[in-house]
N, C-alpha and C. Protein backbone atom coordinates (compact mmCIF):
# COMPACT_ATOMS: atom_id res chain seq x y z
N VAL A 1 36.73 16.32 -14.15
CA VAL A 1 35.49 16.22 -14.91
C VAL A 1 34.74 14.94 -14.53
N THR A 2 35.46 13.82 -14.43
CA THR A 2 34.78 12.57 -14.09
C THR A 2 34.24 12.60 -12.67
N GLY A 3 34.93 13.31 -11.77
CA GLY A 3 34.44 13.42 -10.40
C GLY A 3 33.12 14.16 -10.33
N VAL A 4 32.99 15.22 -11.10
CA VAL A 4 31.74 15.99 -11.14
C VAL A 4 30.62 15.14 -11.73
N PHE A 5 30.95 14.40 -12.77
CA PHE A 5 29.94 13.54 -13.41
C PHE A 5 29.49 12.44 -12.45
N GLU A 6 30.42 11.85 -11.71
CA GLU A 6 30.06 10.80 -10.75
C GLU A 6 29.23 11.38 -9.61
N ALA A 7 29.53 12.59 -9.18
CA ALA A 7 28.72 13.24 -8.15
C ALA A 7 27.31 13.50 -8.65
N TYR A 8 27.20 13.93 -9.90
CA TYR A 8 25.88 14.15 -10.51
C TYR A 8 25.09 12.85 -10.59
N LEU A 9 25.74 11.78 -11.01
CA LEU A 9 25.06 10.48 -11.08
C LEU A 9 24.65 9.99 -9.70
N SER A 10 25.45 10.29 -8.70
CA SER A 10 25.10 9.91 -7.33
C SER A 10 23.86 10.65 -6.85
N ILE A 11 23.77 11.93 -7.17
CA ILE A 11 22.60 12.73 -6.78
C ILE A 11 21.35 12.20 -7.49
N ILE A 12 21.47 11.90 -8.76
CA ILE A 12 20.34 11.36 -9.52
C ILE A 12 19.92 10.01 -8.94
N SER A 13 20.88 9.18 -8.59
CA SER A 13 20.58 7.87 -8.01
C SER A 13 19.86 8.01 -6.68
N ASN A 14 20.27 8.96 -5.85
CA ASN A 14 19.60 9.18 -4.57
C ASN A 14 18.16 9.66 -4.77
N ARG A 15 17.93 10.52 -5.74
CA ARG A 15 16.56 10.97 -6.04
C ARG A 15 15.70 9.80 -6.51
N LEU A 16 16.27 8.97 -7.35
CA LEU A 16 15.54 7.80 -7.85
C LEU A 16 15.19 6.85 -6.71
N ASN A 17 16.12 6.67 -5.77
CA ASN A 17 15.85 5.82 -4.62
C ASN A 17 14.71 6.36 -3.76
N GLU A 18 14.63 7.67 -3.59
CA GLU A 18 13.54 8.27 -2.83
C GLU A 18 12.20 8.06 -3.52
N VAL A 19 12.17 8.23 -4.82
CA VAL A 19 10.94 8.02 -5.59
C VAL A 19 10.52 6.56 -5.50
N MET A 20 11.46 5.65 -5.63
CA MET A 20 11.15 4.22 -5.57
C MET A 20 10.64 3.85 -4.18
N LYS A 21 11.19 4.47 -3.14
CA LYS A 21 10.72 4.20 -1.78
C LYS A 21 9.27 4.63 -1.62
N GLN A 22 8.92 5.80 -2.14
CA GLN A 22 7.55 6.27 -2.03
C GLN A 22 6.58 5.39 -2.82
N LEU A 23 6.99 4.97 -4.02
CA LEU A 23 6.14 4.08 -4.81
C LEU A 23 5.96 2.73 -4.14
N THR A 24 7.01 2.22 -3.51
CA THR A 24 6.92 0.95 -2.81
C THR A 24 5.97 1.05 -1.62
N ILE A 25 6.05 2.13 -0.88
CA ILE A 25 5.14 2.33 0.26
C ILE A 25 3.70 2.41 -0.23
N LEU A 26 3.47 3.14 -1.29
CA LEU A 26 2.12 3.27 -1.84
C LEU A 26 1.57 1.93 -2.30
N SER A 27 2.38 1.17 -3.01
CA SER A 27 1.90 -0.14 -3.49
C SER A 27 1.74 -1.12 -2.34
N THR A 28 2.54 -1.00 -1.28
CA THR A 28 2.39 -1.87 -0.12
C THR A 28 1.08 -1.58 0.60
N ILE A 29 0.67 -0.33 0.63
CA ILE A 29 -0.61 0.02 1.26
C ILE A 29 -1.78 -0.53 0.44
N PHE A 30 -1.69 -0.48 -0.88
CA PHE A 30 -2.80 -0.91 -1.72
C PHE A 30 -2.86 -2.42 -1.94
N LEU A 31 -1.79 -3.15 -1.66
CA LEU A 31 -1.78 -4.59 -1.92
C LEU A 31 -2.84 -5.35 -1.12
N PRO A 32 -2.93 -5.20 0.21
CA PRO A 32 -3.98 -5.94 0.93
C PRO A 32 -5.38 -5.48 0.57
N LEU A 33 -5.53 -4.18 0.25
CA LEU A 33 -6.85 -3.69 -0.14
C LEU A 33 -7.29 -4.31 -1.47
N THR A 34 -6.35 -4.44 -2.39
CA THR A 34 -6.66 -5.06 -3.68
C THR A 34 -7.04 -6.52 -3.49
N PHE A 35 -6.36 -7.19 -2.58
CA PHE A 35 -6.69 -8.60 -2.31
C PHE A 35 -8.11 -8.73 -1.76
N LEU A 36 -8.46 -7.89 -0.78
CA LEU A 36 -9.80 -7.97 -0.20
C LEU A 36 -10.88 -7.65 -1.23
N VAL A 37 -10.67 -6.63 -2.01
CA VAL A 37 -11.65 -6.26 -3.04
C VAL A 37 -11.75 -7.36 -4.09
N GLY A 38 -10.63 -7.98 -4.44
CA GLY A 38 -10.65 -9.07 -5.42
C GLY A 38 -11.42 -10.27 -4.93
N VAL A 39 -11.25 -10.62 -3.66
CA VAL A 39 -11.98 -11.76 -3.10
C VAL A 39 -13.47 -11.47 -3.06
N TYR A 40 -13.84 -10.29 -2.60
CA TYR A 40 -15.26 -9.97 -2.50
C TYR A 40 -15.87 -9.57 -3.84
N GLY A 41 -15.06 -9.37 -4.85
CA GLY A 41 -15.57 -9.07 -6.17
C GLY A 41 -15.95 -10.31 -6.97
N MET A 42 -15.54 -11.49 -6.47
CA MET A 42 -15.89 -12.73 -7.17
C MET A 42 -17.34 -13.10 -6.89
N ASN A 43 -17.94 -13.74 -7.85
CA ASN A 43 -19.33 -14.16 -7.69
C ASN A 43 -19.38 -15.63 -7.29
N PHE A 44 -19.75 -15.85 -6.04
CA PHE A 44 -19.93 -17.20 -5.53
C PHE A 44 -21.41 -17.42 -5.29
N LYS A 45 -21.83 -18.65 -5.46
CA LYS A 45 -23.23 -18.97 -5.21
C LYS A 45 -23.51 -18.97 -3.71
N PHE A 46 -22.61 -19.52 -2.94
CA PHE A 46 -22.79 -19.61 -1.48
C PHE A 46 -21.72 -18.76 -0.81
N MET A 47 -22.06 -17.54 -0.53
CA MET A 47 -21.14 -16.64 0.14
C MET A 47 -21.79 -16.21 1.45
N PRO A 48 -21.28 -16.70 2.58
CA PRO A 48 -21.96 -16.43 3.86
C PRO A 48 -22.07 -14.95 4.19
N GLU A 49 -21.14 -14.14 3.68
CA GLU A 49 -21.17 -12.72 4.00
C GLU A 49 -22.37 -12.00 3.39
N LEU A 50 -22.99 -12.59 2.37
CA LEU A 50 -24.15 -11.97 1.75
C LEU A 50 -25.38 -12.02 2.66
N GLU A 51 -25.40 -12.97 3.56
CA GLU A 51 -26.53 -13.13 4.48
C GLU A 51 -26.45 -12.16 5.66
N ILE A 52 -25.25 -11.67 5.95
CA ILE A 52 -25.04 -10.83 7.12
C ILE A 52 -25.04 -9.37 6.68
N LYS A 53 -25.91 -8.57 7.27
CA LYS A 53 -26.01 -7.16 6.87
C LYS A 53 -24.78 -6.36 7.26
N GLU A 54 -24.14 -6.72 8.36
CA GLU A 54 -22.99 -5.96 8.85
C GLU A 54 -21.70 -6.30 8.13
N ALA A 55 -21.71 -7.29 7.25
CA ALA A 55 -20.48 -7.73 6.59
C ALA A 55 -19.90 -6.63 5.71
N TYR A 56 -20.75 -5.86 5.06
CA TYR A 56 -20.27 -4.78 4.20
C TYR A 56 -19.50 -3.74 5.00
N PHE A 57 -20.08 -3.34 6.13
CA PHE A 57 -19.42 -2.34 6.97
C PHE A 57 -18.19 -2.93 7.66
N ALA A 58 -18.24 -4.21 7.98
CA ALA A 58 -17.07 -4.86 8.57
C ALA A 58 -15.91 -4.87 7.59
N LEU A 59 -16.20 -5.14 6.33
CA LEU A 59 -15.15 -5.12 5.31
C LEU A 59 -14.55 -3.73 5.17
N TRP A 60 -15.39 -2.71 5.16
CA TRP A 60 -14.88 -1.34 5.10
C TRP A 60 -14.04 -1.03 6.33
N GLY A 61 -14.48 -1.48 7.48
CA GLY A 61 -13.72 -1.26 8.71
C GLY A 61 -12.36 -1.93 8.67
N ILE A 62 -12.33 -3.16 8.15
CA ILE A 62 -11.05 -3.87 8.03
C ILE A 62 -10.13 -3.14 7.07
N MET A 63 -10.65 -2.70 5.94
CA MET A 63 -9.80 -2.01 4.96
C MET A 63 -9.27 -0.69 5.51
N ILE A 64 -10.10 0.05 6.21
CA ILE A 64 -9.65 1.31 6.80
C ILE A 64 -8.63 1.05 7.90
N ALA A 65 -8.87 0.03 8.72
CA ALA A 65 -7.93 -0.29 9.80
C ALA A 65 -6.58 -0.73 9.25
N VAL A 66 -6.59 -1.54 8.20
CA VAL A 66 -5.33 -1.98 7.59
C VAL A 66 -4.58 -0.79 7.01
N THR A 67 -5.29 0.08 6.32
CA THR A 67 -4.64 1.26 5.73
C THR A 67 -4.05 2.17 6.79
N LEU A 68 -4.83 2.48 7.81
CA LEU A 68 -4.33 3.36 8.87
C LEU A 68 -3.19 2.71 9.64
N GLY A 69 -3.29 1.40 9.86
CA GLY A 69 -2.22 0.68 10.55
C GLY A 69 -0.92 0.72 9.78
N MET A 70 -0.99 0.54 8.48
CA MET A 70 0.22 0.57 7.67
C MET A 70 0.80 1.98 7.60
N ILE A 71 -0.05 2.98 7.48
CA ILE A 71 0.45 4.36 7.47
C ILE A 71 1.11 4.69 8.80
N TYR A 72 0.50 4.26 9.90
CA TYR A 72 1.09 4.48 11.23
C TYR A 72 2.45 3.79 11.34
N TYR A 73 2.53 2.56 10.85
CA TYR A 73 3.79 1.81 10.89
C TYR A 73 4.87 2.52 10.08
N PHE A 74 4.52 2.98 8.89
CA PHE A 74 5.50 3.67 8.05
C PHE A 74 5.94 4.99 8.68
N LYS A 75 5.02 5.66 9.37
CA LYS A 75 5.39 6.93 10.01
C LYS A 75 6.28 6.68 11.23
N THR A 76 6.05 5.60 11.97
CA THR A 76 6.92 5.31 13.12
C THR A 76 8.32 4.93 12.66
N LYS A 77 8.44 4.34 11.49
CA LYS A 77 9.75 4.02 10.92
C LYS A 77 10.38 5.22 10.23
N LYS A 78 9.62 6.34 10.16
CA LYS A 78 10.05 7.57 9.49
C LYS A 78 10.34 7.34 8.01
N TRP A 79 9.50 6.51 7.40
CA TRP A 79 9.61 6.27 5.96
C TRP A 79 8.72 7.22 5.18
N VAL A 80 7.73 7.78 5.86
CA VAL A 80 6.80 8.71 5.21
C VAL A 80 6.93 10.06 5.88
């Protein structure tokens, strides 16, 4: 009886580990994006990026590149 119960707990633990791995990957992808949005969400009086028209699109490009790069990295490691 205890062997069956330990096997059941092992299966549950493995499922939990898979869920935690997926949540960690998701939060790792959103961490740098949250940082960039947080920095650009602050109101500064002298922000050089406000003078440059291409800065908005450059920020979007950086965020997309970081996201795709991290997804590519996770896929090469076979984590996703």
